[in-house]
PDB file of N, CA and C in Angstrom:
ATOM      1  N   UNK A   1     -14.660  28.771 -10.647  1.00  0.00           N
ATOM      2  CA  UNK A   1     -15.524  27.646 -10.379  1.00  0.00           C
ATOM      3  C   UNK A   1     -15.233  27.120  -8.983  1.00  0.00           C
ATOM      4  N   UNK A   2     -16.260  26.924  -8.189  1.00  0.00           N
ATOM      5  CA  UNK A   2     -16.088  26.391  -6.836  1.00  0.00           C
ATOM      6  C   UNK A   2     -16.153  24.880  -6.874  1.00  0.00           C
ATOM      7  N   UNK A   3     -15.265  24.258  -6.117  1.00  0.00           N
ATOM      8  CA  UNK A   3     -15.214  22.807  -6.029  1.00  0.00           C
ATOM      9  C   UNK A   3     -15.564  22.382  -4.613  1.00  0.00           C
ATOM     10  N   UNK A   4     -16.274  21.271  -4.501  1.00  0.00           N
ATOM     11  CA  UNK A   4     -16.649  20.777  -3.188  1.00  0.00           C
ATOM     12  C   UNK A   4     -15.606  19.802  -2.637  1.00  0.00           C
ATOM     13  N   UNK A   5     -14.680  19.369  -3.471  1.00  0.00           N
ATOM     14  CA  UNK A   5     -13.640  18.430  -3.047  1.00  0.00           C
ATOM     15  C   UNK A   5     -12.483  19.209  -2.429  1.00  0.00           C
ATOM     16  N   UNK A   6     -11.985  18.741  -1.309  1.00  0.00           N
ATOM     17  CA  UNK A   6     -10.834  19.365  -0.676  1.00  0.00           C
ATOM     18  C   UNK A   6      -9.584  19.006  -1.480  1.00  0.00           C
ATOM     19  N   UNK A   7      -8.794  20.008  -1.853  1.00  0.00           N
ATOM     20  CA  UNK A   7      -7.612  19.790  -2.675  1.00  0.00           C
ATOM     21  C   UNK A   7      -6.451  20.596  -2.111  1.00  0.00           C
ATOM     22  N   UNK A   8      -5.280  19.993  -2.107  1.00  0.00           N
ATOM     23  CA  UNK A   8      -4.040  20.703  -1.771  1.00  0.00           C
ATOM     24  C   UNK A   8      -2.947  20.164  -2.693  1.00  0.00           C
ATOM     25  N   UNK A   9      -2.319  21.054  -3.442  1.00  0.00           N
ATOM     26  CA  UNK A   9      -1.262  20.668  -4.369  1.00  0.00           C
ATOM     27  C   UNK A   9      -0.124  19.986  -3.614  1.00  0.00           C
ATOM     28  N   UNK A  10       0.411  18.904  -4.170  1.00  0.00           N
ATOM     29  CA  UNK A  10       1.517  18.178  -3.539  1.00  0.00           C
ATOM     30  C   UNK A  10       2.810  18.998  -3.493  1.00  0.00           C
ATOM     31  N   UNK A  11       2.962  19.955  -4.398  1.00  0.00           N
ATOM     32  CA  UNK A  11       4.204  20.739  -4.449  1.00  0.00           C
ATOM     33  C   UNK A  11       4.124  22.039  -3.653  1.00  0.00           C
ATOM     34  N   UNK A  12       3.060  22.819  -3.884  1.00  0.00           N
ATOM     35  CA  UNK A  12       3.018  24.155  -3.268  1.00  0.00           C
ATOM     36  C   UNK A  12       1.902  24.321  -2.226  1.00  0.00           C
ATOM     37  N   UNK A  13       1.073  23.313  -2.043  1.00  0.00           N
ATOM     38  CA  UNK A  13      -0.025  23.301  -1.074  1.00  0.00           C
ATOM     39  C   UNK A  13      -1.153  24.285  -1.401  1.00  0.00           C
ATOM     40  N   UNK A  14      -1.175  24.805  -2.621  1.00  0.00           N
ATOM     41  CA  UNK A  14      -2.261  25.674  -3.073  1.00  0.00           C
ATOM     42  C   UNK A  14      -3.570  24.884  -3.068  1.00  0.00           C
ATOM     43  N   UNK A  15      -4.687  25.567  -2.844  1.00  0.00           N
ATOM     44  CA  UNK A  15      -5.961  24.853  -2.748  1.00  0.00           C
ATOM     45  C   UNK A  15      -6.863  25.016  -3.972  1.00  0.00           C
ATOM     46  N   UNK A  16      -6.445  25.780  -4.978  1.00  0.00           N
ATOM     47  CA  UNK A  16      -7.277  25.927  -6.172  1.00  0.00           C
ATOM     48  C   UNK A  16      -6.691  25.123  -7.331  1.00  0.00           C
ATOM     49  N   UNK A  17      -7.589  24.572  -8.156  1.00  0.00           N
ATOM     50  CA  UNK A  17      -7.154  23.702  -9.244  1.00  0.00           C
ATOM     51  C   UNK A  17      -8.126  23.765 -10.410  1.00  0.00           C
ATOM     52  N   UNK A  18      -7.675  23.255 -11.540  1.00  0.00           N
ATOM     53  CA  UNK A  18      -8.506  23.075 -12.723  1.00  0.00           C
ATOM     54  C   UNK A  18      -8.518  21.593 -13.045  1.00  0.00           C
ATOM     55  N   UNK A  19      -9.595  21.126 -13.641  1.00  0.00           N
ATOM     56  CA  UNK A  19      -9.663  19.729 -14.036  1.00  0.00           C
ATOM     57  C   UNK A  19     -10.210  19.626 -15.447  1.00  0.00           C
ATOM     58  N   UNK A  20      -9.896  18.512 -16.107  1.00  0.00           N
ATOM     59  CA  UNK A  20     -10.367  18.310 -17.461  1.00  0.00           C
ATOM     60  C   UNK A  20     -10.104  16.888 -17.924  1.00  0.00           C
ATOM     61  N   UNK A  21     -10.469  16.621 -19.171  1.00  0.00           N
ATOM     62  CA  UNK A  21     -10.285  15.308 -19.771  1.00  0.00           C
ATOM     63  C   UNK A  21      -9.336  15.406 -20.944  1.00  0.00           C
ATOM     64  N   UNK A  22      -8.650  14.293 -21.207  1.00  0.00           N
ATOM     65  CA  UNK A  22      -7.698  14.235 -22.308  1.00  0.00           C
ATOM     66  C   UNK A  22      -7.782  12.850 -22.930  1.00  0.00           C
ATOM     67  N   UNK A  23      -7.724  12.778 -24.250  1.00  0.00           N
ATOM     68  CA  UNK A  23      -7.726  11.496 -24.956  1.00  0.00           C
ATOM     69  C   UNK A  23      -6.464  11.424 -25.806  1.00  0.00           C
ATOM     70  N   UNK A  24      -5.840  10.244 -25.833  1.00  0.00           N
ATOM     71  CA  UNK A  24      -4.605  10.057 -26.596  1.00  0.00           C
ATOM     72  C   UNK A  24      -4.645   8.712 -27.315  1.00  0.00           C
ATOM     73  N   UNK A  25      -3.762   8.561 -28.318  1.00  0.00           N
ATOM     74  CA  UNK A  25      -3.638   7.283 -29.010  1.00  0.00           C
ATOM     75  C   UNK A  25      -2.797   6.348 -28.172  1.00  0.00           C
ATOM     76  N   UNK A  26      -2.927   5.047 -28.434  1.00  0.00           N
ATOM     77  CA  UNK A  26      -2.195   4.070 -27.635  1.00  0.00           C
ATOM     78  C   UNK A  26      -1.096   3.358 -28.395  1.00  0.00           C
ATOM     79  N   UNK A  27      -1.438   2.599 -29.407  1.00  0.00           N
ATOM     80  CA  UNK A  27      -0.468   1.773 -30.112  1.00  0.00           C
ATOM     81  C   UNK A  27      -0.234   2.237 -31.532  1.00  0.00           C
ATOM     82  N   UNK A  28       0.452   1.402 -32.283  1.00  0.00           N
ATOM     83  CA  UNK A  28       0.860   1.729 -33.651  1.00  0.00           C
ATOM     84  C   UNK A  28      -0.333   1.999 -34.561  1.00  0.00           C
ATOM     85  N   UNK A  29      -1.293   1.070 -34.594  1.00  0.00           N
ATOM     86  CA  UNK A  29      -2.442   1.242 -35.491  1.00  0.00           C
ATOM     87  C   UNK A  29      -3.317   2.421 -35.082  1.00  0.00           C
ATOM     88  N   UNK A  30      -3.478   2.649 -33.791  1.00  0.00           N
ATOM     89  CA  UNK A  30      -4.292   3.791 -33.372  1.00  0.00           C
ATOM     90  C   UNK A  30      -3.607   5.109 -33.729  1.00  0.00           C
ATOM     91  N   UNK A  31      -2.280   5.112 -33.772  1.00  0.00           N
ATOM     92  CA  UNK A  31      -1.568   6.320 -34.200  1.00  0.00           C
ATOM     93  C   UNK A  31      -1.757   6.562 -35.688  1.00  0.00           C
ATOM     94  N   UNK A  32      -1.697   5.490 -36.485  1.00  0.00           N
ATOM     95  CA  UNK A  32      -1.862   5.621 -37.942  1.00  0.00           C
ATOM     96  C   UNK A  32      -3.251   6.169 -38.274  1.00  0.00           C
ATOM     97  N   UNK A  33      -4.281   5.627 -37.626  1.00  0.00           N
ATOM     98  CA  UNK A  33      -5.655   6.032 -37.918  1.00  0.00           C
ATOM     99  C   UNK A  33      -6.154   7.153 -37.016  1.00  0.00           C
ATOM    100  N   UNK A  34      -5.284   7.661 -36.146  1.00  0.00           N
ATOM    101  CA  UNK A  34      -5.616   8.759 -35.233  1.00  0.00           C
ATOM    102  C   UNK A  34      -6.846   8.441 -34.383  1.00  0.00           C
ATOM    103  N   UNK A  35      -6.884   7.224 -33.840  1.00  0.00           N
ATOM    104  CA  UNK A  35      -7.964   6.828 -32.948  1.00  0.00           C
ATOM    105  C   UNK A  35      -7.479   7.027 -31.517  1.00  0.00           C
ATOM    106  N   UNK A  36      -8.131   7.908 -30.822  1.00  0.00           N
ATOM    107  CA  UNK A  36      -7.713   8.248 -29.458  1.00  0.00           C
ATOM    108  C   UNK A  36      -8.456   7.352 -28.476  1.00  0.00           C
ATOM    109  N   UNK A  37      -7.850   6.196 -28.186  1.00  0.00           N
ATOM    110  CA  UNK A  37      -8.547   5.177 -27.413  1.00  0.00           C
ATOM    111  C   UNK A  37      -8.162   5.137 -25.943  1.00  0.00           C
ATOM    112  N   UNK A  38      -7.319   6.023 -25.497  1.00  0.00           N
ATOM    113  CA  UNK A  38      -6.958   6.073 -24.068  1.00  0.00           C
ATOM    114  C   UNK A  38      -7.456   7.386 -23.487  1.00  0.00           C
ATOM    115  N   UNK A  39      -8.141   7.295 -22.349  1.00  0.00           N
ATOM    116  CA  UNK A  39      -8.743   8.477 -21.738  1.00  0.00           C
ATOM    117  C   UNK A  39      -8.133   8.729 -20.368  1.00  0.00           C
ATOM    118  N   UNK A  40      -7.909  10.010 -20.075  1.00  0.00           N
ATOM    119  CA  UNK A  40      -7.361  10.423 -18.787  1.00  0.00           C
ATOM    120  C   UNK A  40      -8.116  11.642 -18.287  1.00  0.00           C
ATOM    121  N   UNK A  41      -8.244  11.744 -16.981  1.00  0.00           N
ATOM    122  CA  UNK A  41      -8.726  12.955 -16.334  1.00  0.00           C
ATOM    123  C   UNK A  41      -7.517  13.592 -15.671  1.00  0.00           C
ATOM    124  N   UNK A  42      -7.406  14.918 -15.755  1.00  0.00           N
ATOM    125  CA  UNK A  42      -6.277  15.582 -15.111  1.00  0.00           C
ATOM    126  C   UNK A  42      -6.753  16.617 -14.107  1.00  0.00           C
ATOM    127  N   UNK A  43      -5.909  16.823 -13.098  1.00  0.00           N
ATOM    128  CA  UNK A  43      -6.112  17.855 -12.085  1.00  0.00           C
ATOM    129  C   UNK A  43      -4.834  18.676 -12.063  1.00  0.00           C
ATOM    130  N   UNK A  44      -4.962  19.980 -12.268  1.00  0.00           N
ATOM    131  CA  UNK A  44      -3.797  20.849 -12.399  1.00  0.00           C
ATOM    132  C   UNK A  44      -3.876  22.014 -11.424  1.00  0.00           C
ATOM    133  N   UNK A  45      -2.813  22.231 -10.667  1.00  0.00           N
ATOM    134  CA  UNK A  45      -2.736  23.336  -9.715  1.00  0.00           C
ATOM    135  C   UNK A  45      -2.719  24.658 -10.473  1.00  0.00           C
ATOM    136  N   UNK A  46      -3.541  25.623 -10.044  1.00  0.00           N
ATOM    137  CA  UNK A  46      -3.588  26.920 -10.717  1.00  0.00           C
ATOM    138  C   UNK A  46      -2.413  27.815 -10.341  1.00  0.00           C
ATOM    139  N   UNK A  47      -1.696  27.480  -9.274  1.00  0.00           N
ATOM    140  CA  UNK A  47      -0.564  28.301  -8.825  1.00  0.00           C
ATOM    141  C   UNK A  47       0.744  27.879  -9.506  1.00  0.00           C
ATOM    142  N   UNK A  48       1.139  26.617  -9.364  1.00  0.00           N
ATOM    143  CA  UNK A  48       2.450  26.181  -9.876  1.00  0.00           C
ATOM    144  C   UNK A  48       2.354  25.333 -11.140  1.00  0.00           C
ATOM    145  N   UNK A  49       1.155  24.868 -11.488  1.00  0.00           N
ATOM    146  CA  UNK A  49       0.979  24.089 -12.709  1.00  0.00           C
ATOM    147  C   UNK A  49       1.203  22.596 -12.561  1.00  0.00           C
ATOM    148  N   UNK A  50       1.516  22.137 -11.364  1.00  0.00           N
ATOM    149  CA  UNK A  50       1.710  20.702 -11.134  1.00  0.00           C
ATOM    150  C   UNK A  50       0.432  19.972 -11.540  1.00  0.00           C
ATOM    151  N   UNK A  51       0.574  18.890 -12.350  1.00  0.00           N
ATOM    152  CA  UNK A  51      -0.580  18.194 -12.902  1.00  0.00           C
ATOM    153  C   UNK A  51      -0.494  16.704 -12.622  1.00  0.00           C
ATOM    154  N   UNK A  52      -1.625  16.130 -12.237  1.00  0.00           N
ATOM    155  CA  UNK A  52      -1.740  14.690 -12.024  1.00  0.00           C
ATOM    156  C   UNK A  52      -2.740  14.146 -13.028  1.00  0.00           C
ATOM    157  N   UNK A  53      -2.440  12.953 -13.591  1.00  0.00           N
ATOM    158  CA  UNK A  53      -3.317  12.300 -14.547  1.00  0.00           C
ATOM    159  C   UNK A  53      -3.893  11.036 -13.933  1.00  0.00           C
ATOM    160  N   UNK A  54      -5.169  10.786 -14.209  1.00  0.00           N
ATOM    161  CA  UNK A  54      -5.853   9.595 -13.723  1.00  0.00           C
ATOM    162  C   UNK A  54      -6.456   8.868 -14.919  1.00  0.00           C
ATOM    163  N   UNK A  55      -6.131   7.582 -15.068  1.00  0.00           N
ATOM    164  CA  UNK A  55      -6.612   6.791 -16.186  1.00  0.00           C
ATOM    165  C   UNK A  55      -8.097   6.495 -16.022  1.00  0.00           C
ATOM    166  N   UNK A  56      -8.841   6.624 -17.125  1.00  0.00           N
ATOM    167  CA  UNK A  56     -10.270   6.319 -17.133  1.00  0.00           C
ATOM    168  C   UNK A  56     -10.526   5.113 -18.015  1.00  0.00           C
ATOM    169  N   UNK A  57     -11.668   4.506 -17.847  1.00  0.00           N
ATOM    170  CA  UNK A  57     -12.055   3.363 -18.671  1.00  0.00           C
ATOM    171  C   UNK A  57     -12.283   3.817 -20.109  1.00  0.00           C
ATOM    172  N   UNK A  58     -11.987   2.928 -21.071  1.00  0.00           N
ATOM    173  CA  UNK A  58     -12.281   3.223 -22.473  1.00  0.00           C
ATOM    174  C   UNK A  58     -13.778   3.329 -22.656  1.00  0.00           C
ATOM    175  N   UNK A  59     -14.188   4.192 -23.561  1.00  0.00           N
ATOM    176  CA  UNK A  59     -15.609   4.433 -23.755  1.00  0.00           C
ATOM    177  C   UNK A  59     -16.251   3.444 -24.708  1.00  0.00           C
ATOM    178  N   UNK A  60     -15.469   2.618 -25.393  1.00  0.00           N
ATOM    179  CA  UNK A  60     -16.053   1.588 -26.239  1.00  0.00           C
ATOM    180  C   UNK A  60     -15.764   1.757 -27.707  1.00  0.00           C
ATOM    181  N   UNK A  61     -16.212   0.761 -28.455  1.00  0.00           N
ATOM    182  CA  UNK A  61     -15.952   0.689 -29.892  1.00  0.00           C
ATOM    183  C   UNK A  61     -16.651   1.816 -30.634  1.00  0.00           C
ATOM    184  N   UNK A  62     -17.879   2.128 -30.260  1.00  0.00           N
ATOM    185  CA  UNK A  62     -18.637   3.161 -30.979  1.00  0.00           C
ATOM    186  C   UNK A  62     -17.919   4.503 -30.907  1.00  0.00           C
ATOM    187  N   UNK A  63     -17.398   4.839 -29.756  1.00  0.00           N
ATOM    188  CA  UNK A  63     -16.658   6.093 -29.609  1.00  0.00           C
ATOM    189  C   UNK A  63     -15.416   6.098 -30.488  1.00  0.00           C
ATOM    190  N   UNK A  64     -14.718   4.961 -30.575  1.00  0.00           N
ATOM    191  CA  UNK A  64     -13.528   4.865 -31.421  1.00  0.00           C
ATOM    192  C   UNK A  64     -13.879   5.004 -32.895  1.00  0.00           C
ATOM    193  N   UNK A  65     -15.005   4.451 -33.327  1.00  0.00           N
ATOM    194  CA  UNK A  65     -15.449   4.575 -34.716  1.00  0.00           C
ATOM    195  C   UNK A  65     -15.784   6.022 -35.017  1.00  0.00           C
ATOM    196  N   UNK A  66     -16.473   6.690 -34.104  1.00  0.00           N
ATOM    197  CA  UNK A  66     -16.791   8.107 -34.289  1.00  0.00           C
ATOM    198  C   UNK A  66     -15.506   8.927 -34.383  1.00  0.00           C
ATOM    199  N   UNK A  67     -14.517   8.616 -33.527  1.00  0.00           N
ATOM    200  CA  UNK A  67     -13.216   9.287 -33.588  1.00  0.00           C
ATOM    201  C   UNK A  67     -12.578   9.144 -34.958  1.00  0.00           C
ATOM    202  N   UNK A  68     -12.651   7.950 -35.532  1.00  0.00           N
ATOM    203  CA  UNK A  68     -12.037   7.679 -36.832  1.00  0.00           C
ATOM    204  C   UNK A  68     -12.600   8.600 -37.904  1.00  0.00           C
ATOM    205  N   UNK A  69     -13.914   8.844 -37.875  1.00  0.00           N
ATOM    206  CA  UNK A  69     -14.551   9.645 -38.909  1.00  0.00           C
ATOM    207  C   UNK A  69     -14.591  11.134 -38.621  1.00  0.00           C
ATOM    208  N   UNK A  70     -14.355  11.539 -37.384  1.00  0.00           N
ATOM    209  CA  UNK A  70     -14.435  12.960 -37.061  1.00  0.00           C
ATOM    210  C   UNK A  70     -13.076  13.633 -36.963  1.00  0.00           C
ATOM    211  N   UNK A  71     -11.985  12.889 -36.997  1.00  0.00           N
ATOM    212  CA  UNK A  71     -10.651  13.517 -36.900  1.00  0.00           C
ATOM    213  C   UNK A  71     -10.111  13.889 -38.231  1.00  0.00           C
TER     214      UNK A  71
END
């Protein structure tokens, strides 16, 4: 996949990377009910594997309710 953003890994200076999204639970109750209410985007170097995470805004109550019933 070609990317239009200029990227250089902080560790090895490689210019190719992969990106994706990740959702995780936050507190005690979200762990019990498996509600993944914290969202992150990650960028990972394809050469050395160094990965950076960027916090994203929560998607809202409706998404959390759907998570509750689909997990």
